[in-house]
Structure formats: C-alpha cells, structure tokens
Amino acid sequence: MIDELTPGDITGGHKIAATGAINLDGSVGDIGGLHQKTVAVKAAGADYFLVPADQVKEAADEAKGSSLKVIPVHTVDEALTALANLGGDVSGIPAPPAA
C-alpha cells in the first residue's frame, strides 16, 4: 500500500510480500493463517516475505526448500529499513508523526 501511495519504488525491483497487523504505534503484530499465506506467497513467486518477528519461525519453516527469503520485522520502520537494504527507494516516505 505504501508503495502505491508514495513516489519511487520501495521494492527495489524485487517481488515483495508482507503481512502483519500494523498497530497505531507502528509495531507489527501477529496474524492468523500465516502457514497458508506463506504457501500462497511461495506460489506467487515472491522473492521476499516480511512477517511479524514473533512468527518468523513458522514462515521460515514453510519456506524451506524454496527461494523465498523470510524477513522478520517488529515495526513498520524495520520493514522500510529492510526494503531499503534490498535496494528499495524509501526516501519519499514521510516520517511518522511524533507520539
């Protein structure tokens, strides 16, 4: 969603999937159905899958044997940093408002 609403390509040309409950404080919370979502992400041919950090083992276990790389994130800021590390352009994304 952020990629569609901001200038630049935050994916760095990679096929990225992400899941998680985004809380008001920017933290990324656990979600249901991660096993099934990981199966779907693999089938879609994604390169990377950003998941809630507390659920990374479940997604990584399902991704074993595939080229899908699972990246754990605790916050939206961590997700954006991960995308920047993959070559994504996150410079056009405004900073979150002060708490």
C-alpha atoms as a PDB file:
ATOM      1  CA  MET A   1       0.000   0.000   0.000  1.00  0.00           C
ATOM      2  CA  ILE A   2       2.807   2.398   0.900  1.00  0.00           C
ATOM      3  CA  ASP A   3       4.447   1.727  -2.471  1.00  0.00           C
ATOM      4  CA  GLU A   4       1.260   2.762  -4.285  1.00  0.00           C
ATOM      5  CA  LEU A   5       0.828   5.955  -2.253  1.00  0.00           C
ATOM      6  CA  THR A   6       4.386   7.305  -2.412  1.00  0.00           C
ATOM      7  CA  PRO A   7       6.849   8.184  -5.165  1.00  0.00           C
ATOM      8  CA  GLY A   8       9.674   5.804  -6.041  1.00  0.00           C
ATOM      9  CA  ASP A   9       9.891   2.036  -5.985  1.00  0.00           C
ATOM     10  CA  ILE A  10      10.241   0.743  -2.431  1.00  0.00           C
ATOM     11  CA  THR A  11      10.626  -2.850  -3.633  1.00  0.00           C
ATOM     12  CA  GLY A  12      13.965  -2.337  -5.339  1.00  0.00           C
ATOM     13  CA  GLY A  13      12.622  -4.338  -8.263  1.00  0.00           C
ATOM     14  CA  HIS A  14      12.019  -7.412  -6.133  1.00  0.00           C
ATOM     15  CA  LYS A  15       8.720  -9.225  -5.767  1.00  0.00           C
ATOM     16  CA  ILE A  16       7.869  -8.495  -2.124  1.00  0.00           C
ATOM     17  CA  ALA A  17       5.045  -9.823   0.030  1.00  0.00           C
ATOM     18  CA  ALA A  18       4.261  -8.638   3.539  1.00  0.00           C
ATOM     19  CA  THR A  19       1.797  -9.456   6.265  1.00  0.00           C
ATOM     20  CA  GLY A  20       1.081  -8.439   9.832  1.00  0.00           C
ATOM     21  CA  ALA A  21      -1.249  -6.315  11.884  1.00  0.00           C
ATOM     22  CA  ILE A  22       0.025  -2.730  11.900  1.00  0.00           C
ATOM     23  CA  ASN A  23      -0.731  -1.123  15.242  1.00  0.00           C
ATOM     24  CA  LEU A  24      -1.127   2.612  15.856  1.00  0.00           C
ATOM     25  CA  ASP A  25       2.369   2.795  17.384  1.00  0.00           C
ATOM     26  CA  GLY A  26       3.895   1.333  14.208  1.00  0.00           C
ATOM     27  CA  SER A  27       4.520  -2.101  15.665  1.00  0.00           C
ATOM     28  CA  VAL A  28       3.748  -5.144  13.544  1.00  0.00           C
ATOM     29  CA  GLY A  29       1.632  -7.725  15.332  1.00  0.00           C
ATOM     30  CA  ASP A  30       0.895 -11.384  14.763  1.00  0.00           C
ATOM     31  CA  ILE A  31      -1.742 -12.555  12.303  1.00  0.00           C
ATOM     32  CA  GLY A  32      -3.681 -15.739  11.709  1.00  0.00           C
ATOM     33  CA  GLY A  33      -3.235 -18.104   8.794  1.00  0.00           C
ATOM     34  CA  LEU A  34       0.490 -17.485   8.336  1.00  0.00           C
ATOM     35  CA  HIS A  35       1.114 -21.030   7.107  1.00  0.00           C
ATOM     36  CA  GLN A  36      -1.458 -20.618   4.336  1.00  0.00           C
ATOM     37  CA  LYS A  37      -0.234 -17.114   3.493  1.00  0.00           C
ATOM     38  CA  THR A  38       3.333 -18.400   3.163  1.00  0.00           C
ATOM     39  CA  VAL A  39       2.169 -21.163   0.811  1.00  0.00           C
ATOM     40  CA  ALA A  40       0.385 -18.538  -1.316  1.00  0.00           C
ATOM     41  CA  VAL A  41       3.396 -16.197  -1.289  1.00  0.00           C
ATOM     42  CA  LYS A  42       5.656 -19.023  -2.487  1.00  0.00           C
ATOM     43  CA  ALA A  43       3.169 -19.972  -5.212  1.00  0.00           C
ATOM     44  CA  ALA A  44       3.047 -16.335  -6.359  1.00  0.00           C
ATOM     45  CA  GLY A  45       6.820 -16.356  -6.839  1.00  0.00           C
ATOM     46  CA  ALA A  46       7.730 -13.703  -4.293  1.00  0.00           C
ATOM     47  CA  ASP A  47      11.417 -13.152  -3.566  1.00  0.00           C
ATOM     48  CA  TYR A  48      10.962 -11.861  -0.004  1.00  0.00           C
ATOM     49  CA  PHE A  49       8.240 -12.136   2.636  1.00  0.00           C
ATOM     50  CA  LEU A  50       8.134  -9.640   5.513  1.00  0.00           C
ATOM     51  CA  VAL A  51       6.404 -11.183   8.537  1.00  0.00           C
ATOM     52  CA  PRO A  52       5.825 -10.323  12.203  1.00  0.00           C
ATOM     53  CA  ALA A  53       9.060 -11.138  14.053  1.00  0.00           C
ATOM     54  CA  ASP A  54       7.278 -13.349  16.583  1.00  0.00           C
ATOM     55  CA  GLN A  55       6.068 -15.587  13.744  1.00  0.00           C
ATOM     56  CA  VAL A  56       9.219 -15.818  11.645  1.00  0.00           C
ATOM     57  CA  LYS A  57       9.904 -19.472  12.513  1.00  0.00           C
ATOM     58  CA  GLU A  58       6.526 -20.610  11.180  1.00  0.00           C
ATOM     59  CA  ALA A  59       7.002 -18.785   7.867  1.00  0.00           C
ATOM     60  CA  ALA A  60      10.660 -19.803   7.540  1.00  0.00           C
ATOM     61  CA  ASP A  61       9.782 -23.453   8.154  1.00  0.00           C
ATOM     62  CA  GLU A  62       7.180 -23.333   5.380  1.00  0.00           C
ATOM     63  CA  ALA A  63       9.599 -21.513   3.035  1.00  0.00           C
ATOM     64  CA  LYS A  64      12.357 -24.149   3.425  1.00  0.00           C
ATOM     65  CA  GLY A  65      13.412 -25.660   0.129  1.00  0.00           C
ATOM     66  CA  SER A  66      12.249 -22.653  -1.869  1.00  0.00           C
ATOM     67  CA  SER A  67      13.946 -19.448  -2.970  1.00  0.00           C
ATOM     68  CA  LEU A  68      11.620 -17.365  -0.749  1.00  0.00           C
ATOM     69  CA  LYS A  69      13.503 -15.402   1.895  1.00  0.00           C
ATOM     70  CA  VAL A  70      11.585 -14.576   5.064  1.00  0.00           C
ATOM     71  CA  ILE A  71      12.410 -11.301   6.839  1.00  0.00           C
ATOM     72  CA  PRO A  72      11.184 -10.721  10.407  1.00  0.00           C
ATOM     73  CA  VAL A  73      10.034  -7.210  11.347  1.00  0.00           C
ATOM     74  CA  HIS A  74       8.919  -5.710  14.649  1.00  0.00           C
ATOM     75  CA  THR A  75       7.824  -2.338  13.245  1.00  0.00           C
ATOM     76  CA  VAL A  76       6.898  -0.589  10.016  1.00  0.00           C
ATOM     77  CA  ASP A  77      10.201   1.307  10.281  1.00  0.00           C
ATOM     78  CA  GLU A  78      12.069  -2.031  10.361  1.00  0.00           C
ATOM     79  CA  ALA A  79      10.141  -3.133   7.289  1.00  0.00           C
ATOM     80  CA  LEU A  80      11.130   0.051   5.457  1.00  0.00           C
ATOM     81  CA  THR A  81      14.759  -0.411   6.505  1.00  0.00           C
ATOM     82  CA  ALA A  82      14.673  -3.990   5.199  1.00  0.00           C
ATOM     83  CA  LEU A  83      13.290  -2.739   1.881  1.00  0.00           C
ATOM     84  CA  ALA A  84      15.982  -0.046   1.694  1.00  0.00           C
ATOM     85  CA  ASN A  85      18.627  -2.723   2.340  1.00  0.00           C
ATOM     86  CA  LEU A  86      17.211  -4.656  -0.628  1.00  0.00           C
ATOM     87  CA  GLY A  87      17.659  -1.598  -2.864  1.00  0.00           C
ATOM     88  CA  GLY A  88      14.230  -0.031  -2.411  1.00  0.00           C
ATOM     89  CA  ASP A  89      13.730   3.718  -2.558  1.00  0.00           C
ATOM     90  CA  VAL A  90      12.118   4.752   0.725  1.00  0.00           C
ATOM     91  CA  SER A  91      13.259   8.397   0.537  1.00  0.00           C
ATOM     92  CA  GLY A  92       9.783   9.641  -0.457  1.00  0.00           C
ATOM     93  CA  ILE A  93       8.090   8.171   2.603  1.00  0.00           C
ATOM     94  CA  PRO A  94       7.363  10.798   5.245  1.00  0.00           C
ATOM     95  CA  ALA A  95       8.432  10.194   8.813  1.00  0.00           C
ATOM     96  CA  PRO A  96       5.661   9.100  11.159  1.00  0.00           C
ATOM     97  CA  PRO A  97       4.139  11.830  13.357  1.00  0.00           C
ATOM     98  CA  ALA A  98       5.620  12.283  16.805  1.00  0.00           C
ATOM     99  CA  ALA A  99       3.832  10.361  19.528  1.00  0.00           C
END
